[in-house]
N, C-alpha and C. Protein backbone atom coordinates (compact mmCIF):
# COMPACT_ATOMS: atom_id res chain seq x y z
N UNK A 1 -10.95 -21.90 31.78
CA UNK A 1 -11.28 -20.52 32.06
C UNK A 1 -10.01 -19.69 32.26
N UNK A 2 -9.06 -20.28 33.00
CA UNK A 2 -7.81 -19.56 33.26
C UNK A 2 -7.05 -19.29 31.96
N UNK A 3 -7.04 -20.27 31.03
CA UNK A 3 -6.33 -20.06 29.75
C UNK A 3 -7.02 -19.01 28.89
N UNK A 4 -8.35 -18.93 28.95
CA UNK A 4 -9.08 -17.91 28.19
C UNK A 4 -8.74 -16.54 28.73
N UNK A 5 -8.70 -16.38 30.06
CA UNK A 5 -8.36 -15.09 30.66
C UNK A 5 -6.94 -14.67 30.32
N UNK A 6 -6.01 -15.61 30.32
CA UNK A 6 -4.62 -15.30 29.97
C UNK A 6 -4.54 -14.88 28.51
N UNK A 7 -5.27 -15.56 27.63
CA UNK A 7 -5.26 -15.20 26.21
C UNK A 7 -5.84 -13.81 26.00
N UNK A 8 -6.94 -13.50 26.68
CA UNK A 8 -7.56 -12.17 26.54
C UNK A 8 -6.63 -11.09 27.08
N UNK A 9 -5.97 -11.36 28.21
CA UNK A 9 -5.04 -10.40 28.78
C UNK A 9 -3.86 -10.17 27.82
N UNK A 10 -3.38 -11.23 27.20
CA UNK A 10 -2.29 -11.11 26.23
C UNK A 10 -2.70 -10.22 25.07
N UNK A 11 -3.94 -10.40 24.58
CA UNK A 11 -4.42 -9.57 23.47
C UNK A 11 -4.51 -8.11 23.87
N UNK A 12 -5.01 -7.84 25.09
CA UNK A 12 -5.11 -6.46 25.55
C UNK A 12 -3.74 -5.82 25.68
N UNK A 13 -2.80 -6.55 26.24
CA UNK A 13 -1.45 -6.01 26.40
C UNK A 13 -0.77 -5.78 25.05
N UNK A 14 -1.12 -6.57 24.06
CA UNK A 14 -0.53 -6.42 22.73
C UNK A 14 -1.22 -5.35 21.92
N UNK A 15 -2.31 -4.78 22.44
CA UNK A 15 -3.00 -3.72 21.71
C UNK A 15 -4.21 -4.21 20.97
N UNK A 16 -4.70 -5.40 21.27
CA UNK A 16 -5.92 -5.88 20.64
C UNK A 16 -5.63 -6.89 19.55
N UNK A 17 -6.72 -7.43 19.02
CA UNK A 17 -6.62 -8.49 18.01
C UNK A 17 -6.00 -8.00 16.72
N UNK A 18 -6.03 -6.72 16.45
CA UNK A 18 -5.51 -6.18 15.19
C UNK A 18 -4.07 -5.71 15.32
N UNK A 19 -3.47 -5.94 16.45
CA UNK A 19 -2.10 -5.45 16.67
C UNK A 19 -1.10 -6.21 15.81
N UNK A 20 -0.05 -5.52 15.49
CA UNK A 20 1.04 -6.15 14.75
C UNK A 20 1.66 -7.24 15.63
N UNK A 21 1.76 -8.45 15.10
CA UNK A 21 2.29 -9.53 15.92
C UNK A 21 3.71 -9.90 15.55
N UNK A 22 4.23 -9.41 14.47
CA UNK A 22 5.59 -9.73 14.06
C UNK A 22 6.05 -8.68 13.05
N UNK A 23 7.25 -8.86 12.55
CA UNK A 23 7.77 -7.96 11.52
C UNK A 23 6.92 -8.10 10.26
N UNK A 24 6.91 -7.10 9.40
CA UNK A 24 6.15 -7.21 8.15
C UNK A 24 6.52 -8.45 7.34
N UNK A 25 5.56 -9.01 6.69
CA UNK A 25 5.75 -10.20 5.85
C UNK A 25 6.54 -9.86 4.58
N UNK A 26 6.23 -8.70 3.99
CA UNK A 26 6.92 -8.26 2.77
C UNK A 26 7.22 -6.77 2.86
N UNK A 27 8.22 -6.33 2.08
CA UNK A 27 8.59 -4.92 1.98
C UNK A 27 8.43 -4.47 0.53
N UNK A 28 8.02 -3.22 0.35
CA UNK A 28 7.71 -2.71 -0.98
C UNK A 28 8.22 -1.28 -1.15
N UNK A 29 8.47 -0.92 -2.42
CA UNK A 29 8.83 0.45 -2.79
C UNK A 29 7.79 0.95 -3.79
N UNK A 30 7.42 2.22 -3.64
CA UNK A 30 6.61 2.88 -4.66
C UNK A 30 7.46 4.03 -5.18
N UNK A 31 7.72 4.03 -6.49
CA UNK A 31 8.63 5.01 -7.08
C UNK A 31 7.96 5.78 -8.20
N UNK A 32 8.48 6.98 -8.43
CA UNK A 32 8.08 7.76 -9.60
C UNK A 32 8.89 7.30 -10.80
N UNK A 33 8.30 7.35 -11.99
CA UNK A 33 9.08 7.10 -13.20
C UNK A 33 10.11 8.22 -13.33
N UNK A 34 11.11 8.01 -14.14
CA UNK A 34 12.12 9.06 -14.36
C UNK A 34 11.47 10.34 -14.87
N UNK A 35 10.48 10.22 -15.78
CA UNK A 35 9.81 11.40 -16.33
C UNK A 35 9.02 12.13 -15.25
N UNK A 36 8.29 11.39 -14.42
CA UNK A 36 7.50 12.02 -13.35
C UNK A 36 8.43 12.73 -12.37
N UNK A 37 9.58 12.14 -12.09
CA UNK A 37 10.55 12.76 -11.21
C UNK A 37 11.10 14.04 -11.83
N UNK A 38 11.43 13.99 -13.12
CA UNK A 38 11.95 15.18 -13.82
C UNK A 38 10.92 16.29 -13.87
N UNK A 39 9.64 15.92 -13.93
CA UNK A 39 8.55 16.91 -13.99
C UNK A 39 8.19 17.47 -12.62
N UNK A 40 8.94 17.06 -11.57
CA UNK A 40 8.62 17.47 -10.19
C UNK A 40 7.20 17.06 -9.80
N UNK A 41 6.80 15.90 -10.26
CA UNK A 41 5.46 15.38 -10.05
C UNK A 41 5.20 15.09 -8.57
N UNK A 42 3.97 15.37 -8.11
CA UNK A 42 3.54 15.06 -6.76
C UNK A 42 2.31 14.15 -6.85
N UNK A 43 2.38 13.05 -6.14
CA UNK A 43 1.29 12.08 -6.12
C UNK A 43 0.83 11.86 -4.69
N UNK A 44 -0.48 11.78 -4.49
CA UNK A 44 -1.04 11.42 -3.19
C UNK A 44 -1.49 9.97 -3.26
N UNK A 45 -1.24 9.22 -2.20
CA UNK A 45 -1.55 7.81 -2.23
C UNK A 45 -2.21 7.30 -0.98
N UNK A 46 -2.82 6.13 -1.12
CA UNK A 46 -3.45 5.44 0.01
C UNK A 46 -3.30 3.94 -0.17
N UNK A 47 -2.85 3.28 0.88
CA UNK A 47 -2.84 1.83 0.96
C UNK A 47 -4.04 1.44 1.81
N UNK A 48 -4.83 0.47 1.34
CA UNK A 48 -6.04 0.08 2.07
C UNK A 48 -6.21 -1.43 2.05
N UNK A 49 -6.37 -2.03 3.22
CA UNK A 49 -6.71 -3.45 3.31
C UNK A 49 -8.15 -3.59 2.83
N UNK A 50 -8.40 -4.50 1.91
CA UNK A 50 -9.74 -4.67 1.35
C UNK A 50 -10.40 -5.99 1.74
N UNK A 51 -9.68 -6.88 2.38
CA UNK A 51 -10.27 -8.15 2.81
C UNK A 51 -10.88 -7.96 4.19
N UNK A 52 -12.10 -8.46 4.36
CA UNK A 52 -12.83 -8.23 5.60
C UNK A 52 -12.43 -9.16 6.74
N UNK A 53 -11.98 -10.35 6.42
CA UNK A 53 -11.79 -11.34 7.49
C UNK A 53 -10.35 -11.60 7.88
N UNK A 54 -9.40 -10.96 7.26
CA UNK A 54 -7.99 -11.16 7.59
C UNK A 54 -7.40 -9.91 8.24
N UNK A 55 -6.99 -9.99 9.49
CA UNK A 55 -6.35 -8.83 10.11
C UNK A 55 -4.96 -8.61 9.52
N UNK A 56 -4.81 -7.57 8.76
CA UNK A 56 -3.54 -7.23 8.12
C UNK A 56 -3.24 -5.76 8.40
N UNK A 57 -2.01 -5.34 8.14
CA UNK A 57 -1.60 -3.99 8.47
C UNK A 57 -0.46 -3.55 7.56
N UNK A 58 -0.21 -2.24 7.56
CA UNK A 58 0.92 -1.64 6.85
C UNK A 58 1.87 -1.01 7.88
N UNK A 59 3.14 -0.92 7.52
CA UNK A 59 4.10 -0.20 8.35
C UNK A 59 4.80 0.84 7.49
N UNK A 60 5.36 1.85 8.14
CA UNK A 60 6.22 2.77 7.41
C UNK A 60 7.60 2.15 7.27
N UNK A 61 8.53 2.89 6.69
CA UNK A 61 9.87 2.34 6.41
C UNK A 61 10.62 1.95 7.68
N UNK A 62 10.23 2.53 8.84
CA UNK A 62 10.88 2.22 10.10
C UNK A 62 10.19 1.10 10.87
N UNK A 63 9.13 0.52 10.28
CA UNK A 63 8.41 -0.57 10.93
C UNK A 63 7.29 -0.12 11.84
N UNK A 64 6.99 1.20 11.87
CA UNK A 64 5.88 1.70 12.70
C UNK A 64 4.55 1.26 12.08
N UNK A 65 3.69 0.65 12.89
CA UNK A 65 2.40 0.16 12.42
C UNK A 65 1.51 1.34 12.03
N UNK A 66 1.08 1.36 10.78
CA UNK A 66 0.20 2.42 10.27
C UNK A 66 -1.25 1.96 10.19
N UNK A 67 -1.53 0.73 10.59
CA UNK A 67 -2.90 0.24 10.60
C UNK A 67 -3.33 -0.30 9.24
N UNK A 68 -4.65 -0.32 9.02
CA UNK A 68 -5.21 -0.90 7.80
C UNK A 68 -5.36 0.11 6.68
N UNK A 69 -5.15 1.38 6.96
CA UNK A 69 -5.15 2.44 5.93
C UNK A 69 -3.94 3.32 6.17
N UNK A 70 -3.19 3.56 5.11
CA UNK A 70 -1.95 4.34 5.23
C UNK A 70 -1.94 5.37 4.11
N UNK A 71 -2.07 6.65 4.47
CA UNK A 71 -2.05 7.75 3.50
C UNK A 71 -0.63 8.30 3.41
N UNK A 72 -0.23 8.71 2.20
CA UNK A 72 1.14 9.20 2.02
C UNK A 72 1.21 10.13 0.82
N UNK A 73 2.33 10.85 0.72
CA UNK A 73 2.63 11.70 -0.43
C UNK A 73 3.92 11.19 -1.07
N UNK A 74 3.92 11.12 -2.39
CA UNK A 74 5.10 10.68 -3.13
C UNK A 74 5.57 11.81 -4.02
N UNK A 75 6.77 12.30 -3.77
CA UNK A 75 7.38 13.34 -4.61
C UNK A 75 8.88 13.10 -4.62
N UNK A 76 9.64 14.03 -5.17
CA UNK A 76 11.09 13.84 -5.25
C UNK A 76 11.74 13.71 -3.87
N UNK A 77 11.14 14.32 -2.83
CA UNK A 77 11.70 14.23 -1.48
C UNK A 77 11.43 12.89 -0.82
N UNK A 78 10.34 12.23 -1.19
CA UNK A 78 9.96 10.97 -0.55
C UNK A 78 10.11 9.77 -1.49
N UNK A 79 10.70 9.98 -2.67
CA UNK A 79 10.84 8.94 -3.68
C UNK A 79 12.09 8.11 -3.41
N UNK A 80 12.02 6.80 -3.26
CA UNK A 80 10.81 5.99 -3.26
C UNK A 80 10.19 5.93 -1.86
N UNK A 81 8.90 5.69 -1.81
CA UNK A 81 8.23 5.44 -0.55
C UNK A 81 8.41 3.95 -0.23
N UNK A 82 8.79 3.64 1.00
CA UNK A 82 8.99 2.26 1.42
C UNK A 82 7.91 1.93 2.45
N UNK A 83 7.25 0.78 2.29
CA UNK A 83 6.28 0.33 3.28
C UNK A 83 6.36 -1.18 3.46
N UNK A 84 5.90 -1.62 4.61
CA UNK A 84 5.82 -3.03 4.90
C UNK A 84 4.37 -3.47 4.91
N UNK A 85 4.13 -4.74 4.60
CA UNK A 85 2.81 -5.34 4.66
C UNK A 85 2.90 -6.57 5.54
N UNK A 86 2.00 -6.68 6.49
CA UNK A 86 2.04 -7.82 7.39
C UNK A 86 0.66 -8.29 7.79
N UNK A 87 0.63 -9.46 8.37
CA UNK A 87 -0.61 -10.00 8.92
C UNK A 87 -0.26 -10.83 10.13
N UNK A 88 -1.25 -11.08 10.96
CA UNK A 88 -1.02 -11.77 12.22
C UNK A 88 -0.72 -13.25 12.00
N UNK A 89 -0.05 -13.85 12.97
CA UNK A 89 0.26 -15.27 12.90
C UNK A 89 -1.04 -16.06 12.79
N UNK A 90 -0.98 -17.13 12.03
CA UNK A 90 -2.16 -17.95 11.83
C UNK A 90 -3.03 -17.49 10.67
N UNK A 91 -2.68 -16.37 10.05
CA UNK A 91 -3.45 -15.88 8.92
C UNK A 91 -3.14 -16.74 7.69
N UNK A 92 -4.07 -16.73 6.75
CA UNK A 92 -3.82 -17.44 5.49
C UNK A 92 -3.65 -16.40 4.38
N UNK A 93 -3.73 -16.83 3.15
CA UNK A 93 -3.52 -15.90 2.05
C UNK A 93 -4.82 -15.33 1.51
N UNK A 94 -5.89 -15.40 2.28
CA UNK A 94 -7.15 -14.77 1.89
C UNK A 94 -7.13 -13.30 2.31
N UNK A 95 -6.17 -12.59 1.80
CA UNK A 95 -6.00 -11.18 2.15
C UNK A 95 -5.72 -10.41 0.86
N UNK A 96 -6.23 -9.18 0.81
CA UNK A 96 -5.98 -8.34 -0.35
C UNK A 96 -5.91 -6.88 0.09
N UNK A 97 -5.27 -6.07 -0.75
CA UNK A 97 -5.22 -4.64 -0.48
C UNK A 97 -5.06 -3.87 -1.78
N UNK A 98 -5.32 -2.57 -1.71
CA UNK A 98 -5.14 -1.72 -2.88
C UNK A 98 -4.04 -0.69 -2.60
N UNK A 99 -3.34 -0.36 -3.67
CA UNK A 99 -2.39 0.74 -3.70
C UNK A 99 -2.96 1.73 -4.71
N UNK A 100 -3.39 2.90 -4.25
CA UNK A 100 -4.01 3.89 -5.13
C UNK A 100 -3.23 5.19 -5.04
N UNK A 101 -2.85 5.75 -6.19
CA UNK A 101 -2.16 7.03 -6.23
C UNK A 101 -2.74 7.90 -7.33
N UNK A 102 -2.82 9.21 -7.09
CA UNK A 102 -3.19 10.12 -8.16
C UNK A 102 -2.28 11.34 -8.14
N UNK A 103 -2.02 11.84 -9.34
CA UNK A 103 -1.13 12.99 -9.50
C UNK A 103 -1.90 14.25 -9.14
N UNK A 104 -1.30 15.10 -8.32
CA UNK A 104 -1.96 16.33 -7.91
C UNK A 104 -1.61 17.45 -8.87
N UNK A 105 -2.34 17.47 -9.99
CA UNK A 105 -2.12 18.52 -10.97
C UNK A 105 -3.44 19.21 -11.22
N UNK A 106 -3.36 20.48 -11.53
CA UNK A 106 -4.55 21.26 -11.83
C UNK A 106 -4.57 21.50 -13.33
N UNK A 107 -5.45 20.79 -14.02
CA UNK A 107 -5.56 20.94 -15.46
C UNK A 107 -6.70 21.91 -15.75
N UNK A 108 -6.44 22.91 -16.55
CA UNK A 108 -7.44 23.92 -16.85
C UNK A 108 -7.82 23.82 -18.32
N UNK A 109 -9.12 23.83 -18.59
CA UNK A 109 -9.56 23.75 -19.98
C UNK A 109 -9.47 25.12 -20.65
N UNK A 110 -9.90 25.21 -21.90
CA UNK A 110 -9.76 26.45 -22.67
C UNK A 110 -10.61 27.59 -22.12
N UNK A 111 -11.62 27.30 -21.33
CA UNK A 111 -12.45 28.35 -20.74
C UNK A 111 -11.92 28.80 -19.38
N UNK A 112 -10.79 28.24 -18.97
CA UNK A 112 -10.20 28.64 -17.71
C UNK A 112 -10.79 27.93 -16.51
N UNK A 113 -11.58 26.89 -16.71
CA UNK A 113 -12.19 26.16 -15.60
C UNK A 113 -11.40 24.89 -15.33
N UNK A 114 -11.20 24.61 -14.07
CA UNK A 114 -10.49 23.39 -13.68
C UNK A 114 -11.43 22.20 -13.73
N UNK A 115 -10.88 21.05 -14.03
CA UNK A 115 -11.65 19.81 -13.99
C UNK A 115 -10.72 18.68 -13.58
N UNK A 116 -11.32 17.58 -13.12
CA UNK A 116 -10.54 16.46 -12.63
C UNK A 116 -10.17 15.56 -13.79
N UNK A 117 -8.90 15.48 -14.07
CA UNK A 117 -8.39 14.56 -15.09
C UNK A 117 -6.99 14.12 -14.71
N UNK A 118 -6.78 13.93 -13.43
CA UNK A 118 -5.45 13.57 -12.94
C UNK A 118 -5.09 12.15 -13.32
N UNK A 119 -3.81 11.96 -13.58
CA UNK A 119 -3.31 10.61 -13.78
C UNK A 119 -3.54 9.84 -12.48
N UNK A 120 -4.01 8.60 -12.62
CA UNK A 120 -4.30 7.77 -11.46
C UNK A 120 -3.86 6.34 -11.71
N UNK A 121 -3.25 5.73 -10.70
CA UNK A 121 -2.86 4.32 -10.75
C UNK A 121 -3.53 3.59 -9.60
N UNK A 122 -4.07 2.41 -9.90
CA UNK A 122 -4.60 1.56 -8.84
C UNK A 122 -4.10 0.14 -9.05
N UNK A 123 -3.51 -0.41 -8.00
CA UNK A 123 -3.02 -1.77 -8.00
C UNK A 123 -3.87 -2.57 -7.01
N UNK A 124 -4.48 -3.65 -7.45
CA UNK A 124 -5.20 -4.56 -6.57
C UNK A 124 -4.26 -5.72 -6.29
N UNK A 125 -3.88 -5.88 -5.03
CA UNK A 125 -2.82 -6.80 -4.65
C UNK A 125 -3.39 -7.96 -3.83
N UNK A 126 -3.09 -9.16 -4.25
CA UNK A 126 -3.46 -10.36 -3.51
C UNK A 126 -2.41 -11.43 -3.81
N UNK A 127 -2.65 -12.63 -3.36
CA UNK A 127 -1.72 -13.73 -3.63
C UNK A 127 -2.50 -15.02 -3.81
N UNK A 128 -1.97 -15.85 -4.68
CA UNK A 128 -2.55 -17.18 -4.89
C UNK A 128 -2.00 -18.17 -3.87
N UNK A 129 -0.92 -17.79 -3.20
CA UNK A 129 -0.26 -18.62 -2.20
C UNK A 129 1.10 -18.01 -1.89
N UNK A 130 1.91 -18.69 -1.09
CA UNK A 130 3.23 -18.15 -0.74
C UNK A 130 4.08 -17.85 -1.98
N UNK A 131 4.63 -16.65 -2.01
CA UNK A 131 5.51 -16.21 -3.11
C UNK A 131 4.85 -16.33 -4.47
N UNK A 132 3.53 -16.14 -4.52
CA UNK A 132 2.77 -16.24 -5.77
C UNK A 132 1.77 -15.08 -5.84
N UNK A 133 2.25 -13.85 -6.08
CA UNK A 133 1.36 -12.68 -6.08
C UNK A 133 0.39 -12.69 -7.25
N UNK A 134 -0.75 -12.05 -7.04
CA UNK A 134 -1.78 -11.86 -8.06
C UNK A 134 -2.13 -10.38 -8.02
N UNK A 135 -1.60 -9.60 -8.97
CA UNK A 135 -1.75 -8.15 -8.96
C UNK A 135 -2.44 -7.70 -10.24
N UNK A 136 -3.45 -6.85 -10.09
CA UNK A 136 -4.17 -6.27 -11.23
C UNK A 136 -3.89 -4.78 -11.23
N UNK A 137 -3.65 -4.22 -12.42
CA UNK A 137 -3.27 -2.81 -12.54
C UNK A 137 -4.33 -2.07 -13.37
N UNK A 138 -4.76 -0.92 -12.86
CA UNK A 138 -5.67 -0.04 -13.60
C UNK A 138 -4.96 1.31 -13.79
N UNK A 139 -4.98 1.80 -15.04
CA UNK A 139 -4.36 3.09 -15.38
C UNK A 139 -5.46 4.04 -15.87
N UNK A 140 -5.46 5.27 -15.37
CA UNK A 140 -6.45 6.26 -15.75
C UNK A 140 -5.78 7.54 -16.24
N UNK A 141 -6.38 8.17 -17.23
CA UNK A 141 -5.98 9.49 -17.72
C UNK A 141 -4.51 9.56 -18.15
N UNK A 142 -4.05 8.53 -18.83
CA UNK A 142 -2.70 8.53 -19.37
C UNK A 142 -1.61 8.16 -18.39
N UNK A 143 -1.97 7.68 -17.23
CA UNK A 143 -0.95 7.27 -16.25
C UNK A 143 -0.21 6.04 -16.74
N UNK A 144 1.02 5.91 -16.31
CA UNK A 144 1.83 4.72 -16.57
C UNK A 144 2.08 4.05 -15.23
N UNK A 145 1.54 2.86 -15.06
CA UNK A 145 1.58 2.16 -13.78
C UNK A 145 2.15 0.77 -14.00
N UNK A 146 3.12 0.39 -13.20
CA UNK A 146 3.71 -0.94 -13.38
C UNK A 146 4.19 -1.47 -12.03
N UNK A 147 4.47 -2.76 -12.02
CA UNK A 147 5.02 -3.37 -10.82
C UNK A 147 6.08 -4.39 -11.22
N UNK A 148 6.92 -4.71 -10.26
CA UNK A 148 8.00 -5.66 -10.47
C UNK A 148 8.05 -6.58 -9.25
N UNK A 149 8.10 -7.87 -9.47
CA UNK A 149 8.22 -8.83 -8.37
C UNK A 149 9.69 -8.92 -7.97
N UNK A 150 9.95 -8.74 -6.68
CA UNK A 150 11.31 -8.84 -6.14
C UNK A 150 11.35 -10.13 -5.31
N UNK A 151 11.92 -11.20 -5.85
CA UNK A 151 11.91 -12.50 -5.16
C UNK A 151 12.46 -12.41 -3.73
N UNK A 152 11.73 -13.01 -2.80
CA UNK A 152 12.14 -13.04 -1.42
C UNK A 152 11.90 -11.76 -0.65
N UNK A 153 11.33 -10.74 -1.31
CA UNK A 153 11.14 -9.45 -0.67
C UNK A 153 9.70 -8.97 -0.77
N UNK A 154 9.15 -8.90 -1.98
CA UNK A 154 7.80 -8.37 -2.20
C UNK A 154 7.67 -7.86 -3.61
N UNK A 155 6.86 -6.85 -3.78
CA UNK A 155 6.66 -6.24 -5.10
C UNK A 155 6.95 -4.75 -4.99
N UNK A 156 7.50 -4.19 -6.07
CA UNK A 156 7.74 -2.75 -6.15
C UNK A 156 6.84 -2.18 -7.22
N UNK A 157 6.34 -0.97 -6.98
CA UNK A 157 5.39 -0.32 -7.86
C UNK A 157 5.99 0.98 -8.40
N UNK A 158 5.63 1.33 -9.63
CA UNK A 158 6.11 2.56 -10.27
C UNK A 158 4.93 3.29 -10.88
N UNK A 159 4.89 4.61 -10.68
CA UNK A 159 3.81 5.45 -11.22
C UNK A 159 4.40 6.63 -11.97
N UNK A 160 3.68 7.08 -12.98
CA UNK A 160 4.11 8.26 -13.73
C UNK A 160 3.12 8.62 -14.80
């Protein structure tokens, strides 16, 4: 009983079961392509944990815990965006998340009416095991979306 109370107290002091327990497991960059940067492109993005049973989190470039959903803007001022991905001790690799970005452009048709046809990139990120990423990429409306594995660090993503 005493050990259960100590464990519960430790969790409360640490901010709960979903609290960051260590430094991020991997670090990542999201960058604009050279063309998107030259076009002064602005992209809105969201990182989202999609696995239900693994407590995982994102951090900003300074290591501040942003929780399981992290919204951001990517433009020439914030290019590249740096984030960390982490999970609590004792977790396994049954964890996944999405990186979704869309270009904030207003496309007008010949009648002068706006419609949604923004370039969009979605990366579904998981792993088959340690240092063995499994990433699926979806490109919409002419977007160019790619990733690069950086050994010992994580994966970097590029949108344009």
